[in-house]
C-alpha atoms as a PDB file:
ATOM      1  CA  MET A   1       0.049  -0.011   0.036  1.00  0.00           C
ATOM      2  CA  PRO A   2       1.377   3.427  -0.778  1.00  0.00           C
ATOM      3  CA  LYS A   3       2.659   5.470   2.126  1.00  0.00           C
ATOM      4  CA  ALA A   4      -0.180   7.990   2.851  1.00  0.00           C
ATOM      5  CA  CYS A   5       0.704   8.794   6.424  1.00  0.00           C
ATOM      6  CA  PRO A   6       2.461  12.142   6.051  1.00  0.00           C
ATOM      7  CA  VAL A   7      -0.559  13.781   4.361  1.00  0.00           C
ATOM      8  CA  VAL A   8      -2.770  12.442   7.051  1.00  0.00           C
ATOM      9  CA  THR A   9      -0.479  13.499   9.813  1.00  0.00           C
ATOM     10  CA  VAL A  10      -0.344  17.145   8.523  1.00  0.00           C
ATOM     11  CA  VAL A  11      -4.168  17.310   8.228  1.00  0.00           C
ATOM     12  CA  VAL A  12      -4.728  15.864  11.794  1.00  0.00           C
ATOM     13  CA  ILE A  13      -2.299  18.238  13.332  1.00  0.00           C
ATOM     14  CA  ALA A  14      -3.179  21.362  11.409  1.00  0.00           C
ATOM     15  CA  LEU A  15      -6.999  21.137  11.455  1.00  0.00           C
ATOM     16  CA  ASN A  16      -9.607  20.717  14.275  1.00  0.00           C
ATOM     17  CA  GLU A  17     -12.963  19.185  14.099  1.00  0.00           C
ATOM     18  CA  GLY A  18     -15.427  21.979  13.659  1.00  0.00           C
ATOM     19  CA  ASP A  19     -13.058  24.332  11.744  1.00  0.00           C
ATOM     20  CA  TYR A  20     -14.529  26.218   8.849  1.00  0.00           C
ATOM     21  CA  LEU A  21     -12.694  26.194   5.543  1.00  0.00           C
ATOM     22  CA  LEU A  22     -12.655  29.864   4.543  1.00  0.00           C
ATOM     23  CA  ALA A  23     -10.166  29.938   1.628  1.00  0.00           C
ATOM     24  CA  VAL A  24      -7.951  27.885  -0.664  1.00  0.00           C
ATOM     25  CA  ASN A  25      -4.823  29.415  -1.954  1.00  0.00           C
ATOM     26  CA  GLY A  26      -6.313  32.824  -1.182  1.00  0.00           C
ATOM     27  CA  LYS A  27      -9.515  32.245  -3.035  1.00  0.00           C
ATOM     28  CA  GLU A  28     -12.457  32.879  -0.575  1.00  0.00           C
ATOM     29  CA  ILE A  29     -15.013  29.947  -0.333  1.00  0.00           C
ATOM     30  CA  ASP A  30     -18.253  31.468  -1.550  1.00  0.00           C
ATOM     31  CA  GLY A  31     -20.322  28.443  -2.122  1.00  0.00           C
ATOM     32  CA  GLY A  32     -20.507  26.197  -5.235  1.00  0.00           C
ATOM     33  CA  GLU A  33     -18.879  22.913  -5.548  1.00  0.00           C
ATOM     34  CA  LEU A  34     -16.060  22.643  -2.940  1.00  0.00           C
ATOM     35  CA  TYR A  35     -13.966  20.399  -5.053  1.00  0.00           C
ATOM     36  CA  THR A  36     -13.410  23.067  -7.644  1.00  0.00           C
ATOM     37  CA  TYR A  37     -11.299  25.131  -5.163  1.00  0.00           C
ATOM     38  CA  PHE A  38      -8.793  22.129  -5.167  1.00  0.00           C
ATOM     39  CA  GLU A  39      -8.463  21.621  -8.869  1.00  0.00           C
ATOM     40  CA  GLY A  40      -4.827  21.504  -9.861  1.00  0.00           C
ATOM     41  CA  THR A  41      -3.615  21.295  -6.353  1.00  0.00           C
ATOM     42  CA  ALA A  42      -2.797  17.539  -6.260  1.00  0.00           C
ATOM     43  CA  ASN A  43       0.889  16.968  -4.842  1.00  0.00           C
ATOM     44  CA  LYS A  44       1.358  20.646  -4.406  1.00  0.00           C
ATOM     45  CA  GLN A  45       1.530  22.714  -1.244  1.00  0.00           C
ATOM     46  CA  THR A  46      -1.800  24.387  -0.788  1.00  0.00           C
ATOM     47  CA  ALA A  47      -2.669  27.123   1.676  1.00  0.00           C
ATOM     48  CA  LEU A  48      -5.970  26.715   3.564  1.00  0.00           C
ATOM     49  CA  ARG A  49      -7.411  29.386   5.623  1.00  0.00           C
ATOM     50  CA  VAL A  50      -9.318  27.867   8.490  1.00  0.00           C
ATOM     51  CA  GLY A  51     -10.959  28.986  11.713  1.00  0.00           C
ATOM     52  CA  LYS A  52     -13.485  28.343  14.320  1.00  0.00           C
ATOM     53  CA  ASP A  53     -15.571  31.330  13.276  1.00  0.00           C
ATOM     54  CA  PRO A  54     -17.345  31.313   9.796  1.00  0.00           C
ATOM     55  CA  LYS A  55     -16.617  35.019   9.420  1.00  0.00           C
ATOM     56  CA  GLY A  56     -12.850  34.395   9.752  1.00  0.00           C
ATOM     57  CA  LYS A  57     -12.238  36.016  13.088  1.00  0.00           C
ATOM     58  CA  GLY A  58      -9.097  34.427  14.557  1.00  0.00           C
ATOM     59  CA  ALA A  59      -8.500  32.388  11.281  1.00  0.00           C
ATOM     60  CA  ARG A  60      -5.243  30.756  10.596  1.00  0.00           C
ATOM     61  CA  THR A  61      -3.449  29.556   7.499  1.00  0.00           C
ATOM     62  CA  VAL A  62      -2.176  25.979   7.303  1.00  0.00           C
ATOM     63  CA  THR A  63      -0.376  24.296   4.434  1.00  0.00           C
ATOM     64  CA  VAL A  64      -1.318  20.884   3.179  1.00  0.00           C
ATOM     65  CA  VAL A  65      -0.491  18.745   0.112  1.00  0.00           C
ATOM     66  CA  PRO A  66      -3.583  17.307  -1.252  1.00  0.00           C
ATOM     67  CA  VAL A  67      -3.252  13.902  -2.923  1.00  0.00           C
ATOM     68  CA  ALA A  68      -4.419  13.083  -6.389  1.00  0.00           C
ATOM     69  CA  ASN A  69      -6.422  10.087  -5.448  1.00  0.00           C
ATOM     70  CA  ASP A  70      -7.630   9.359  -1.898  1.00  0.00           C
ATOM     71  CA  SER A  71      -8.438   5.646  -2.484  1.00  0.00           C
ATOM     72  CA  ALA A  72      -5.223   4.594  -0.471  1.00  0.00           C
ATOM     73  CA  LEU A  73      -6.264   6.783   2.476  1.00  0.00           C
ATOM     74  CA  ARG A  74      -9.805   5.530   2.358  1.00  0.00           C
ATOM     75  CA  ALA A  75      -8.419   1.809   2.271  1.00  0.00           C
ATOM     76  CA  ARG A  76      -6.187   2.474   5.162  1.00  0.00           C
ATOM     77  CA  GLN A  77      -8.998   4.008   7.211  1.00  0.00           C
ATOM     78  CA  TRP A  78     -11.255   1.035   6.434  1.00  0.00           C
ATOM     79  CA  MET A  79      -8.630  -1.400   7.427  1.00  0.00           C
ATOM     80  CA  GLU A  80      -7.916   0.416  10.769  1.00  0.00           C
ATOM     81  CA  ARG A  81     -11.581   0.606  11.583  1.00  0.00           C
ATOM     82  CA  SER A  82     -11.966  -3.139  10.757  1.00  0.00           C
ATOM     83  CA  GLU A  83      -8.983  -4.006  13.034  1.00  0.00           C
ATOM     84  CA  GLU A  84     -10.514  -1.925  15.866  1.00  0.00           C
ATOM     85  CA  HIS A  85     -13.860  -3.674  15.329  1.00  0.00           C
ATOM     86  CA  THR A  86     -12.152  -7.021  15.263  1.00  0.00           C
ATOM     87  CA  SER A  87     -10.330  -6.422  18.480  1.00  0.00           C
ATOM     88  CA  GLU A  88     -13.557  -5.460  20.272  1.00  0.00           C
ATOM     89  CA  LEU A  89     -15.085  -8.892  19.515  1.00  0.00           C
END
């Protein structure tokens, strides 16, 4: 399986549950399809402005590197959840 941990680690450390995504590479999120803000960002450093307030008060910028295909990440998550479930039995 491809090594996907570094991207996951960056996201887990840099973002918190409940954060609002306010901008991608300086482009304010104003509705529409969210994926369009990430077009052309695969495997490139991408600046996200995030914050606990939807108006941007106290927002911070974090840098992530989006993957071109998240199937390896989803497969890893599925395996980890399956292992957790199996160990609970």
